[in-house]
Amino acid sequence: MTREIHPIPGHVRETLKKEGLWELYKERPPYQQNDYIGWIAQAKQEATQEKRLKQMVSELKEGGVYMGM
């Protein structure tokens, strides 16, 4: 079974670059990058998408954390 590949939305890319986290994001394994993007994009409400984006940013800054694990 193959995973759906989620394209990175422009606002997520811009946030990562603005926060200086683009390189850290790209260092993550492809499945983690894809899981983060899918998780953010699947939220129906914009507020939930923003909350999830903030969590991803926080986890990238902290390092060693992946989706709360």
N, C-alpha and C. Protein backbone atom coordinates (compact mmCIF):
# COMPACT_ATOMS: atom_id res chain seq x y z
N MET A 1 0.85 -1.19 0.00
CA MET A 1 0.00 0.00 0.00
C MET A 1 0.89 1.25 0.00
N THR A 2 0.62 2.16 -0.87
CA THR A 2 1.41 3.39 -0.94
C THR A 2 0.66 4.54 -0.29
N ARG A 3 1.40 5.43 0.29
CA ARG A 3 0.81 6.61 0.93
C ARG A 3 0.53 7.68 -0.10
N GLU A 4 -0.52 8.44 0.14
CA GLU A 4 -0.79 9.60 -0.69
C GLU A 4 0.29 10.65 -0.41
N ILE A 5 0.81 11.24 -1.46
CA ILE A 5 1.82 12.29 -1.31
C ILE A 5 1.10 13.64 -1.29
N HIS A 6 1.31 14.38 -0.21
CA HIS A 6 0.64 15.67 -0.02
C HIS A 6 1.57 16.80 -0.46
N PRO A 7 1.13 17.64 -1.39
CA PRO A 7 1.94 18.81 -1.77
C PRO A 7 1.95 19.82 -0.62
N ILE A 8 3.08 20.45 -0.44
CA ILE A 8 3.20 21.42 0.65
C ILE A 8 2.51 22.73 0.26
N PRO A 9 1.54 23.16 1.06
CA PRO A 9 0.86 24.44 0.76
C PRO A 9 1.83 25.62 0.90
N GLY A 10 1.60 26.64 0.11
CA GLY A 10 2.47 27.82 0.12
C GLY A 10 2.61 28.46 1.48
N HIS A 11 1.51 28.55 2.25
CA HIS A 11 1.59 29.22 3.55
C HIS A 11 2.43 28.40 4.54
N VAL A 12 2.45 27.08 4.39
CA VAL A 12 3.28 26.25 5.26
C VAL A 12 4.75 26.46 4.90
N ARG A 13 5.05 26.45 3.62
CA ARG A 13 6.42 26.69 3.16
C ARG A 13 6.92 28.05 3.64
N GLU A 14 6.08 29.07 3.49
CA GLU A 14 6.47 30.43 3.90
C GLU A 14 6.70 30.50 5.41
N THR A 15 5.85 29.84 6.18
CA THR A 15 6.03 29.84 7.64
C THR A 15 7.35 29.19 8.02
N LEU A 16 7.64 28.05 7.41
CA LEU A 16 8.90 27.36 7.71
C LEU A 16 10.10 28.22 7.35
N LYS A 17 10.04 28.89 6.22
CA LYS A 17 11.16 29.74 5.81
C LYS A 17 11.28 30.96 6.72
N LYS A 18 10.14 31.56 7.06
CA LYS A 18 10.14 32.74 7.94
C LYS A 18 10.71 32.40 9.31
N GLU A 19 10.40 31.20 9.79
CA GLU A 19 10.87 30.76 11.11
C GLU A 19 12.29 30.19 11.07
N GLY A 20 12.87 30.13 9.87
CA GLY A 20 14.22 29.58 9.73
C GLY A 20 14.26 28.06 9.93
N LEU A 21 13.16 27.38 9.60
CA LEU A 21 13.05 25.95 9.85
C LEU A 21 12.99 25.11 8.58
N TRP A 22 13.10 25.74 7.43
CA TRP A 22 12.97 25.00 6.17
C TRP A 22 13.98 23.86 6.09
N GLU A 23 15.22 24.12 6.42
CA GLU A 23 16.26 23.09 6.34
C GLU A 23 15.99 21.97 7.34
N LEU A 24 15.55 22.31 8.55
CA LEU A 24 15.23 21.27 9.54
C LEU A 24 14.07 20.41 9.05
N TYR A 25 13.09 21.04 8.45
CA TYR A 25 11.96 20.30 7.89
C TYR A 25 12.45 19.34 6.80
N LYS A 26 13.30 19.82 5.90
CA LYS A 26 13.79 19.00 4.79
C LYS A 26 14.70 17.87 5.28
N GLU A 27 15.28 18.02 6.47
CA GLU A 27 16.12 16.95 7.03
C GLU A 27 15.28 15.80 7.59
N ARG A 28 14.01 16.06 7.85
CA ARG A 28 13.14 15.00 8.35
C ARG A 28 12.93 13.96 7.25
N PRO A 29 12.70 12.70 7.63
CA PRO A 29 12.42 11.68 6.60
C PRO A 29 11.20 12.07 5.77
N PRO A 30 11.18 11.68 4.51
CA PRO A 30 10.04 12.04 3.65
C PRO A 30 8.67 11.66 4.22
N TYR A 31 8.58 10.51 4.90
CA TYR A 31 7.29 10.13 5.46
C TYR A 31 6.84 11.10 6.54
N GLN A 32 7.77 11.63 7.33
CA GLN A 32 7.41 12.61 8.36
C GLN A 32 6.96 13.92 7.71
N GLN A 33 7.69 14.38 6.71
CA GLN A 33 7.28 15.59 6.00
C GLN A 33 5.87 15.42 5.47
N ASN A 34 5.61 14.30 4.81
CA ASN A 34 4.31 14.05 4.20
C ASN A 34 3.22 13.93 5.27
N ASP A 35 3.51 13.25 6.37
CA ASP A 35 2.52 13.10 7.44
C ASP A 35 2.15 14.46 8.03
N TYR A 36 3.14 15.30 8.27
CA TYR A 36 2.85 16.64 8.80
C TYR A 36 1.93 17.41 7.86
N ILE A 37 2.26 17.42 6.58
CA ILE A 37 1.48 18.19 5.61
C ILE A 37 0.06 17.63 5.49
N GLY A 38 -0.07 16.32 5.42
CA GLY A 38 -1.40 15.72 5.35
C GLY A 38 -2.22 16.02 6.58
N TRP A 39 -1.59 15.96 7.74
CA TRP A 39 -2.26 16.21 9.02
C TRP A 39 -2.76 17.65 9.08
N ILE A 40 -1.94 18.58 8.65
CA ILE A 40 -2.34 19.99 8.64
C ILE A 40 -3.47 20.21 7.63
N ALA A 41 -3.30 19.69 6.41
CA ALA A 41 -4.26 19.92 5.33
C ALA A 41 -5.62 19.26 5.58
N GLN A 42 -5.65 18.18 6.33
CA GLN A 42 -6.90 17.46 6.56
C GLN A 42 -7.81 18.14 7.56
N ALA A 43 -7.29 19.09 8.31
CA ALA A 43 -8.14 19.81 9.26
C ALA A 43 -9.16 20.64 8.49
N LYS A 44 -10.40 20.56 8.90
CA LYS A 44 -11.46 21.28 8.17
C LYS A 44 -11.48 22.77 8.50
N GLN A 45 -11.18 23.11 9.73
CA GLN A 45 -11.23 24.51 10.14
C GLN A 45 -9.85 25.15 10.06
N GLU A 46 -9.84 26.39 9.62
CA GLU A 46 -8.57 27.12 9.50
C GLU A 46 -7.87 27.22 10.85
N ALA A 47 -8.64 27.40 11.91
CA ALA A 47 -8.04 27.51 13.25
C ALA A 47 -7.31 26.22 13.62
N THR A 48 -7.87 25.09 13.24
CA THR A 48 -7.22 23.81 13.52
C THR A 48 -5.98 23.65 12.67
N GLN A 49 -6.03 24.08 11.42
CA GLN A 49 -4.84 24.02 10.57
C GLN A 49 -3.72 24.86 11.17
N GLU A 50 -4.05 26.06 11.65
CA GLU A 50 -3.04 26.93 12.26
C GLU A 50 -2.47 26.31 13.53
N LYS A 51 -3.32 25.69 14.33
CA LYS A 51 -2.87 25.04 15.56
C LYS A 51 -1.88 23.92 15.23
N ARG A 52 -2.21 23.14 14.21
CA ARG A 52 -1.33 22.04 13.81
C ARG A 52 -0.03 22.56 13.22
N LEU A 53 -0.09 23.63 12.45
CA LEU A 53 1.12 24.23 11.90
C LEU A 53 2.01 24.72 13.04
N LYS A 54 1.42 25.34 14.04
CA LYS A 54 2.21 25.81 15.18
C LYS A 54 2.86 24.65 15.92
N GLN A 55 2.13 23.52 16.03
CA GLN A 55 2.71 22.35 16.69
C GLN A 55 3.90 21.83 15.89
N MET A 56 3.77 21.77 14.56
CA MET A 56 4.88 21.31 13.74
C MET A 56 6.09 22.23 13.91
N VAL A 57 5.85 23.54 13.88
CA VAL A 57 6.94 24.51 14.06
C VAL A 57 7.62 24.29 15.42
N SER A 58 6.83 24.12 16.45
CA SER A 58 7.37 23.90 17.79
C SER A 58 8.20 22.62 17.86
N GLU A 59 7.71 21.57 17.25
CA GLU A 59 8.42 20.29 17.27
C GLU A 59 9.72 20.37 16.47
N LEU A 60 9.71 21.09 15.36
CA LEU A 60 10.94 21.26 14.60
C LEU A 60 11.97 22.05 15.41
N LYS A 61 11.52 23.07 16.12
CA LYS A 61 12.43 23.86 16.94
C LYS A 61 13.01 23.03 18.07
N GLU A 62 12.16 22.20 18.68
CA GLU A 62 12.59 21.37 19.81
C GLU A 62 13.53 20.26 19.34
N GLY A 63 13.23 19.68 18.17
CA GLY A 63 14.03 18.57 17.65
C GLY A 63 13.70 17.28 18.36
N GLY A 64 13.80 16.19 17.65
CA GLY A 64 13.58 14.87 18.25
C GLY A 64 12.13 14.55 18.58
N VAL A 65 11.22 15.42 18.21
CA VAL A 65 9.79 15.19 18.47
C VAL A 65 9.10 15.10 17.12
N TYR A 66 8.17 14.14 17.03
CA TYR A 66 7.44 13.96 15.78
C TYR A 66 5.97 13.71 16.10
N MET A 67 5.14 14.68 15.77
CA MET A 67 3.70 14.61 15.97
C MET A 67 3.33 14.18 17.40
N GLY A 68 3.98 14.83 18.36
CA GLY A 68 3.67 14.60 19.76
C GLY A 68 4.32 13.35 20.36
N MET A 69 5.11 12.62 19.57
CA MET A 69 5.72 11.38 20.08
C MET A 69 7.16 11.61 20.48
